[in-house]
């Protein structure tokens, strides 16, 4: 019987499965840090970092759209893992342990993705307004 994949394709399938497992683990960790942000023992500046990282991670809208060559994927490869790494380092260890335990028993809330999308839309609106404002100021001088 013919298999769907040849023996040559097996390493590719294994790599894809490993990437899916890692992506799920990363999302679970992002959800855990979002739970840790709700804890009063987490400093306010860490909460601000977590807010941005979690919004970026779960937003269906990217900070830099994926169709932009290299940069579109680079933001996903740097902001999410780097932000999660930094947040985990800054969150008190007992808070992070409790948040991971809660995240293991819950699913990611869908409201997190909606909030992330709103933040990304607001970011782009502010960026466009800033560029227009700058452009108008520069053209007035000419």
C-alpha atoms as a PDB file:
ATOM      1  CA  UNK A   1       0.000   0.000   0.000  1.00  0.00           C
ATOM      2  CA  UNK A   2       1.310   3.443  -0.921  1.00  0.00           C
ATOM      3  CA  UNK A   3       1.727   5.828   1.936  1.00  0.00           C
ATOM      4  CA  UNK A   4       0.776   9.458   1.643  1.00  0.00           C
ATOM      5  CA  UNK A   5       4.385  10.485   2.244  1.00  0.00           C
ATOM      6  CA  UNK A   6       7.484   8.849   0.888  1.00  0.00           C
ATOM      7  CA  UNK A   7      10.403   7.906   3.119  1.00  0.00           C
ATOM      8  CA  UNK A   8      12.189  11.003   1.886  1.00  0.00           C
ATOM      9  CA  UNK A   9       9.423  13.285   3.203  1.00  0.00           C
ATOM     10  CA  UNK A  10       9.440  11.777   6.702  1.00  0.00           C
ATOM     11  CA  UNK A  11      12.056  14.200   8.149  1.00  0.00           C
ATOM     12  CA  UNK A  12      10.000  17.133   6.836  1.00  0.00           C
ATOM     13  CA  UNK A  13       6.870  15.816   8.513  1.00  0.00           C
ATOM     14  CA  UNK A  14       8.730  15.291  11.777  1.00  0.00           C
ATOM     15  CA  UNK A  15      10.144  18.809  11.643  1.00  0.00           C
ATOM     16  CA  UNK A  16       6.691  20.235  10.951  1.00  0.00           C
ATOM     17  CA  UNK A  17       5.265  18.317  13.910  1.00  0.00           C
ATOM     18  CA  UNK A  18       8.069  19.598  16.153  1.00  0.00           C
ATOM     19  CA  UNK A  19       7.386  23.160  15.031  1.00  0.00           C
ATOM     20  CA  UNK A  20       3.670  22.741  15.789  1.00  0.00           C
ATOM     21  CA  UNK A  21       4.473  21.423  19.268  1.00  0.00           C
ATOM     22  CA  UNK A  22       6.825  24.341  19.908  1.00  0.00           C
ATOM     23  CA  UNK A  23       4.252  26.859  18.632  1.00  0.00           C
ATOM     24  CA  UNK A  24       1.602  25.412  20.983  1.00  0.00           C
ATOM     25  CA  UNK A  25       4.059  25.553  23.884  1.00  0.00           C
ATOM     26  CA  UNK A  26       4.894  29.163  23.036  1.00  0.00           C
ATOM     27  CA  UNK A  27       1.204  30.100  22.966  1.00  0.00           C
ATOM     28  CA  UNK A  28       0.659  28.318  26.277  1.00  0.00           C
ATOM     29  CA  UNK A  29       3.584  30.237  27.778  1.00  0.00           C
ATOM     30  CA  UNK A  30       2.191  33.509  26.401  1.00  0.00           C
ATOM     31  CA  UNK A  31      -1.140  32.667  28.017  1.00  0.00           C
ATOM     32  CA  UNK A  32       0.638  31.901  31.295  1.00  0.00           C
ATOM     33  CA  UNK A  33       2.356  35.279  31.293  1.00  0.00           C
ATOM     34  CA  UNK A  34      -0.990  36.945  30.562  1.00  0.00           C
ATOM     35  CA  UNK A  35      -2.338  35.248  33.694  1.00  0.00           C
ATOM     36  CA  UNK A  36       0.754  36.347  35.628  1.00  0.00           C
ATOM     37  CA  UNK A  37       0.092  39.942  34.556  1.00  0.00           C
ATOM     38  CA  UNK A  38      -3.173  39.866  36.506  1.00  0.00           C
ATOM     39  CA  UNK A  39      -1.336  39.036  39.719  1.00  0.00           C
ATOM     40  CA  UNK A  40      -0.741  42.035  42.010  1.00  0.00           C
ATOM     41  CA  UNK A  41       2.792  40.784  42.751  1.00  0.00           C
ATOM     42  CA  UNK A  42       3.812  41.460  39.141  1.00  0.00           C
ATOM     43  CA  UNK A  43       5.399  44.936  38.750  1.00  0.00           C
ATOM     44  CA  UNK A  44       3.538  47.478  36.590  1.00  0.00           C
ATOM     45  CA  UNK A  45       6.334  47.789  33.993  1.00  0.00           C
ATOM     46  CA  UNK A  46       6.307  44.014  33.494  1.00  0.00           C
ATOM     47  CA  UNK A  47       2.532  44.164  33.044  1.00  0.00           C
ATOM     48  CA  UNK A  48       3.020  46.771  30.300  1.00  0.00           C
ATOM     49  CA  UNK A  49       5.554  44.537  28.526  1.00  0.00           C
ATOM     50  CA  UNK A  50       3.273  41.514  28.899  1.00  0.00           C
ATOM     51  CA  UNK A  51       0.318  43.464  27.527  1.00  0.00           C
ATOM     52  CA  UNK A  52       2.224  44.284  24.344  1.00  0.00           C
ATOM     53  CA  UNK A  53       3.739  40.813  23.898  1.00  0.00           C
ATOM     54  CA  UNK A  54       0.478  38.952  24.495  1.00  0.00           C
ATOM     55  CA  UNK A  55      -1.461  41.349  22.261  1.00  0.00           C
ATOM     56  CA  UNK A  56       1.086  40.841  19.491  1.00  0.00           C
ATOM     57  CA  UNK A  57       1.159  37.065  19.952  1.00  0.00           C
ATOM     58  CA  UNK A  58      -2.584  36.458  19.878  1.00  0.00           C
ATOM     59  CA  UNK A  59      -3.576  39.203  17.454  1.00  0.00           C
ATOM     60  CA  UNK A  60      -4.809  38.057  14.061  1.00  0.00           C
ATOM     61  CA  UNK A  61      -3.278  41.289  12.712  1.00  0.00           C
ATOM     62  CA  UNK A  62       0.518  41.548  12.654  1.00  0.00           C
ATOM     63  CA  UNK A  63       2.561  44.552  13.666  1.00  0.00           C
ATOM     64  CA  UNK A  64       4.435  44.178  10.382  1.00  0.00           C
ATOM     65  CA  UNK A  65       2.318  42.322   7.780  1.00  0.00           C
ATOM     66  CA  UNK A  66       3.709  38.968   6.636  1.00  0.00           C
ATOM     67  CA  UNK A  67       3.618  39.924   2.953  1.00  0.00           C
ATOM     68  CA  UNK A  68       6.533  42.337   3.535  1.00  0.00           C
ATOM     69  CA  UNK A  69       9.607  40.253   2.668  1.00  0.00           C
ATOM     70  CA  UNK A  70      11.742  39.156   5.635  1.00  0.00           C
ATOM     71  CA  UNK A  71      10.452  41.835   8.045  1.00  0.00           C
ATOM     72  CA  UNK A  72       6.954  40.345   8.054  1.00  0.00           C
ATOM     73  CA  UNK A  73       8.175  37.114   9.592  1.00  0.00           C
ATOM     74  CA  UNK A  74      11.056  38.648  11.509  1.00  0.00           C
ATOM     75  CA  UNK A  75       8.711  40.449  13.904  1.00  0.00           C
ATOM     76  CA  UNK A  76       7.009  37.137  14.730  1.00  0.00           C
ATOM     77  CA  UNK A  77      10.360  35.426  15.230  1.00  0.00           C
ATOM     78  CA  UNK A  78      11.778  38.155  17.482  1.00  0.00           C
ATOM     79  CA  UNK A  79       8.952  39.923  19.334  1.00  0.00           C
ATOM     80  CA  UNK A  80       7.027  36.899  20.550  1.00  0.00           C
ATOM     81  CA  UNK A  81       9.868  34.640  21.784  1.00  0.00           C
ATOM     82  CA  UNK A  82      12.030  37.563  22.923  1.00  0.00           C
ATOM     83  CA  UNK A  83       9.168  39.279  24.702  1.00  0.00           C
ATOM     84  CA  UNK A  84       8.077  36.067  26.400  1.00  0.00           C
ATOM     85  CA  UNK A  85      11.669  35.339  27.445  1.00  0.00           C
ATOM     86  CA  UNK A  86      12.075  38.824  28.929  1.00  0.00           C
ATOM     87  CA  UNK A  87       8.686  38.743  30.662  1.00  0.00           C
ATOM     88  CA  UNK A  88       9.392  35.341  32.232  1.00  0.00           C
ATOM     89  CA  UNK A  89      12.709  36.680  33.548  1.00  0.00           C
ATOM     90  CA  UNK A  90      10.998  39.740  35.085  1.00  0.00           C
ATOM     91  CA  UNK A  91       7.954  38.007  36.606  1.00  0.00           C
ATOM     92  CA  UNK A  92       8.504  36.763  40.184  1.00  0.00           C
ATOM     93  CA  UNK A  93       9.149  32.994  40.014  1.00  0.00           C
ATOM     94  CA  UNK A  94       6.306  32.022  42.390  1.00  0.00           C
ATOM     95  CA  UNK A  95       3.841  34.055  40.293  1.00  0.00           C
ATOM     96  CA  UNK A  96       5.064  32.394  37.090  1.00  0.00           C
ATOM     97  CA  UNK A  97       4.793  28.912  38.631  1.00  0.00           C
ATOM     98  CA  UNK A  98       1.186  29.551  39.664  1.00  0.00           C
ATOM     99  CA  UNK A  99       0.337  31.059  36.260  1.00  0.00           C
ATOM    100  CA  UNK A 100       1.793  28.071  34.394  1.00  0.00           C
ATOM    101  CA  UNK A 101      -0.259  25.702  36.553  1.00  0.00           C
ATOM    102  CA  UNK A 102      -3.438  27.642  35.748  1.00  0.00           C
ATOM    103  CA  UNK A 103      -2.572  27.880  32.042  1.00  0.00           C
ATOM    104  CA  UNK A 104      -2.099  24.097  31.866  1.00  0.00           C
ATOM    105  CA  UNK A 105      -5.725  23.558  32.897  1.00  0.00           C
ATOM    106  CA  UNK A 106      -7.341  26.314  30.795  1.00  0.00           C
ATOM    107  CA  UNK A 107      -7.678  27.190  27.133  1.00  0.00           C
ATOM    108  CA  UNK A 108      -6.522  30.494  25.715  1.00  0.00           C
ATOM    109  CA  UNK A 109      -9.262  33.078  26.048  1.00  0.00           C
ATOM    110  CA  UNK A 110     -10.592  34.338  22.717  1.00  0.00           C
ATOM    111  CA  UNK A 111     -10.854  37.876  24.099  1.00  0.00           C
ATOM    112  CA  UNK A 112      -7.053  38.052  24.181  1.00  0.00           C
ATOM    113  CA  UNK A 113      -6.958  37.835  20.368  1.00  0.00           C
ATOM    114  CA  UNK A 114      -9.605  40.533  19.977  1.00  0.00           C
ATOM    115  CA  UNK A 115      -7.748  42.877  22.308  1.00  0.00           C
ATOM    116  CA  UNK A 116      -4.540  42.185  20.400  1.00  0.00           C
ATOM    117  CA  UNK A 117      -6.219  42.996  17.088  1.00  0.00           C
ATOM    118  CA  UNK A 118      -7.547  46.266  18.508  1.00  0.00           C
ATOM    119  CA  UNK A 119      -4.078  47.198  19.770  1.00  0.00           C
ATOM    120  CA  UNK A 120      -2.483  46.474  16.390  1.00  0.00           C
ATOM    121  CA  UNK A 121      -5.172  48.513  14.584  1.00  0.00           C
ATOM    122  CA  UNK A 122      -4.640  51.409  17.010  1.00  0.00           C
ATOM    123  CA  UNK A 123      -0.879  51.157  16.484  1.00  0.00           C
ATOM    124  CA  UNK A 124      -1.291  51.435  12.711  1.00  0.00           C
ATOM    125  CA  UNK A 125      -3.760  54.333  13.029  1.00  0.00           C
ATOM    126  CA  UNK A 126      -1.328  56.220  15.274  1.00  0.00           C
ATOM    127  CA  UNK A 127       1.544  55.446  12.891  1.00  0.00           C
ATOM    128  CA  UNK A 128      -0.418  56.726   9.873  1.00  0.00           C
ATOM    129  CA  UNK A 129      -1.486  59.884  11.741  1.00  0.00           C
ATOM    130  CA  UNK A 130       2.133  60.504  12.792  1.00  0.00           C
ATOM    131  CA  UNK A 131       3.403  60.087   9.219  1.00  0.00           C
ATOM    132  CA  UNK A 132       0.704  62.398   7.829  1.00  0.00           C
ATOM    133  CA  UNK A 133       1.428  64.975  10.543  1.00  0.00           C
ATOM    134  CA  UNK A 134       5.160  64.795   9.839  1.00  0.00           C
ATOM    135  CA  UNK A 135       4.560  65.030   6.088  1.00  0.00           C
ATOM    136  CA  UNK A 136       2.312  68.082   6.486  1.00  0.00           C
ATOM    137  CA  UNK A 137       4.874  69.831   8.708  1.00  0.00           C
ATOM    138  CA  UNK A 138       7.678  69.151   6.260  1.00  0.00           C
ATOM    139  CA  UNK A 139       5.676  70.331   3.227  1.00  0.00           C
ATOM    140  CA  UNK A 140       4.633  73.533   5.046  1.00  0.00           C
ATOM    141  CA  UNK A 141       8.283  74.521   5.392  1.00  0.00           C
ATOM    142  CA  UNK A 142       8.925  74.175   1.673  1.00  0.00           C
END
